[in-house]
Amino acid sequence: MTQHGRRIRFLVDWDWKPSPMATIAYRAGQTYYVTIACAEKAIALGKAEQVVGAGAPPAGISATLARKRRKKADNNA
């Protein structure tokens, strides 16, 4: 887990209102990476469940990050 968000799976359709002027809709059965506040509220209300093993990065991300680091290092040299 990171300190910025959590990966959760929604059990029902649910709307998160981070502010009075914004609404984010989440669909049942889908897995999302959401803020900690959103995750805690959805789990407490029984609208979502935490995904086990969510600490693993998506497939291929390591190669993408390594490529970007090399490119940045080449540009700074």
C-alpha atoms as a PDB file:
ATOM      1  CA  MET A   1       0.000   0.000   0.000  1.00  0.00           C
ATOM      2  CA  THR A   2       1.068   3.525  -0.605  1.00  0.00           C
ATOM      3  CA  GLN A   3       0.320   6.567   1.469  1.00  0.00           C
ATOM      4  CA  HIS A   4      -1.527   8.281  -1.405  1.00  0.00           C
ATOM      5  CA  GLY A   5      -4.249   5.790  -2.271  1.00  0.00           C
ATOM      6  CA  ARG A   6      -5.631   2.296  -2.190  1.00  0.00           C
ATOM      7  CA  ARG A   7      -6.759  -0.235  -4.743  1.00  0.00           C
ATOM      8  CA  ILE A   8     -10.322  -1.364  -4.088  1.00  0.00           C
ATOM      9  CA  ARG A   9     -13.042  -3.310  -5.910  1.00  0.00           C
ATOM     10  CA  PHE A  10     -16.515  -1.808  -5.848  1.00  0.00           C
ATOM     11  CA  LEU A  11     -19.378  -4.161  -5.022  1.00  0.00           C
ATOM     12  CA  VAL A  12     -22.123  -1.746  -6.150  1.00  0.00           C
ATOM     13  CA  ASP A  13     -22.259   1.414  -8.259  1.00  0.00           C
ATOM     14  CA  TRP A  14     -21.187   4.301  -6.034  1.00  0.00           C
ATOM     15  CA  ASP A  15     -20.680   8.056  -6.382  1.00  0.00           C
ATOM     16  CA  TRP A  16     -17.869   9.711  -4.425  1.00  0.00           C
ATOM     17  CA  LYS A  17     -18.144  13.445  -3.774  1.00  0.00           C
ATOM     18  CA  PRO A  18     -14.669  14.747  -2.869  1.00  0.00           C
ATOM     19  CA  SER A  19     -16.116  18.284  -2.832  1.00  0.00           C
ATOM     20  CA  PRO A  20     -19.606  19.773  -3.203  1.00  0.00           C
ATOM     21  CA  MET A  21     -18.883  20.654  -6.851  1.00  0.00           C
ATOM     22  CA  ALA A  22     -17.399  17.312  -7.959  1.00  0.00           C
ATOM     23  CA  THR A  23     -18.696  13.760  -8.252  1.00  0.00           C
ATOM     24  CA  ILE A  24     -16.758  10.667  -9.327  1.00  0.00           C
ATOM     25  CA  ALA A  25     -18.817   7.620 -10.321  1.00  0.00           C
ATOM     26  CA  TYR A  26     -17.458   4.113  -9.763  1.00  0.00           C
ATOM     27  CA  ARG A  27     -18.978   1.020 -11.376  1.00  0.00           C
ATOM     28  CA  ALA A  28     -19.768  -2.232  -9.600  1.00  0.00           C
ATOM     29  CA  GLY A  29     -17.275  -5.033 -10.225  1.00  0.00           C
ATOM     30  CA  GLN A  30     -14.478  -2.704 -11.307  1.00  0.00           C
ATOM     31  CA  THR A  31     -11.175  -2.221  -9.498  1.00  0.00           C
ATOM     32  CA  TYR A  32      -9.882   1.320  -9.062  1.00  0.00           C
ATOM     33  CA  TYR A  33      -6.938   3.067  -7.425  1.00  0.00           C
ATOM     34  CA  VAL A  34      -8.592   5.722  -5.248  1.00  0.00           C
ATOM     35  CA  THR A  35      -7.640   8.168  -2.534  1.00  0.00           C
ATOM     36  CA  ILE A  36      -7.403   6.909   1.032  1.00  0.00           C
ATOM     37  CA  ALA A  37     -10.442   8.977   2.061  1.00  0.00           C
ATOM     38  CA  CYS A  38     -12.562   7.486  -0.727  1.00  0.00           C
ATOM     39  CA  ALA A  39     -11.385   3.943   0.031  1.00  0.00           C
ATOM     40  CA  GLU A  40     -12.027   4.194   3.752  1.00  0.00           C
ATOM     41  CA  LYS A  41     -15.534   5.581   3.295  1.00  0.00           C
ATOM     42  CA  ALA A  42     -16.513   3.053   0.590  1.00  0.00           C
ATOM     43  CA  ILE A  43     -15.234   0.121   2.658  1.00  0.00           C
ATOM     44  CA  ALA A  44     -16.923   1.411   5.839  1.00  0.00           C
ATOM     45  CA  LEU A  45     -20.262   1.714   3.995  1.00  0.00           C
ATOM     46  CA  GLY A  46     -19.905  -1.782   2.515  1.00  0.00           C
ATOM     47  CA  LYS A  47     -19.748  -0.443  -1.045  1.00  0.00           C
ATOM     48  CA  ALA A  48     -16.260  -1.824  -1.762  1.00  0.00           C
ATOM     49  CA  GLU A  49     -13.623  -4.281  -0.624  1.00  0.00           C
ATOM     50  CA  GLN A  50      -9.868  -3.904  -0.489  1.00  0.00           C
ATOM     51  CA  VAL A  51      -7.960  -5.775  -3.184  1.00  0.00           C
ATOM     52  CA  VAL A  52      -5.452  -8.203  -1.656  1.00  0.00           C
ATOM     53  CA  GLY A  53      -1.961  -8.049  -3.133  1.00  0.00           C
ATOM     54  CA  ALA A  54      -2.503  -4.581  -4.511  1.00  0.00           C
ATOM     55  CA  GLY A  55       1.103  -3.610  -3.806  1.00  0.00           C
ATOM     56  CA  ALA A  56       2.378  -5.082  -7.070  1.00  0.00           C
ATOM     57  CA  PRO A  57       2.803  -2.536  -9.867  1.00  0.00           C
ATOM     58  CA  PRO A  58       0.993  -3.039 -13.177  1.00  0.00           C
ATOM     59  CA  ALA A  59       2.695  -5.285 -15.731  1.00  0.00           C
ATOM     60  CA  GLY A  60       5.365  -3.519 -17.782  1.00  0.00           C
ATOM     61  CA  ILE A  61       5.603  -0.440 -15.585  1.00  0.00           C
ATOM     62  CA  SER A  62       9.166  -1.208 -14.457  1.00  0.00           C
ATOM     63  CA  ALA A  63      10.459  -1.187 -18.037  1.00  0.00           C
ATOM     64  CA  THR A  64       8.604   2.049 -18.798  1.00  0.00           C
ATOM     65  CA  LEU A  65      10.035   3.802 -15.742  1.00  0.00           C
ATOM     66  CA  ALA A  66      13.565   2.582 -16.504  1.00  0.00           C
ATOM     67  CA  ARG A  67      13.259   3.899 -20.070  1.00  0.00           C
ATOM     68  CA  LYS A  68      12.117   7.321 -18.809  1.00  0.00           C
ATOM     69  CA  ARG A  69      14.996   7.467 -16.301  1.00  0.00           C
ATOM     70  CA  ARG A  70      17.533   6.704 -19.041  1.00  0.00           C
ATOM     71  CA  LYS A  71      16.040   9.341 -21.311  1.00  0.00           C
ATOM     72  CA  LYS A  72      16.090  11.955 -18.539  1.00  0.00           C
ATOM     73  CA  ALA A  73      19.702  11.086 -17.662  1.00  0.00           C
ATOM     74  CA  ASP A  74      20.714  11.407 -21.331  1.00  0.00           C
ATOM     75  CA  ASN A  75      19.060  14.818 -21.595  1.00  0.00           C
ATOM     76  CA  ASN A  76      20.778  16.097 -18.437  1.00  0.00           C
ATOM     77  CA  ALA A  77      24.253  14.966 -19.557  1.00  0.00           C
END
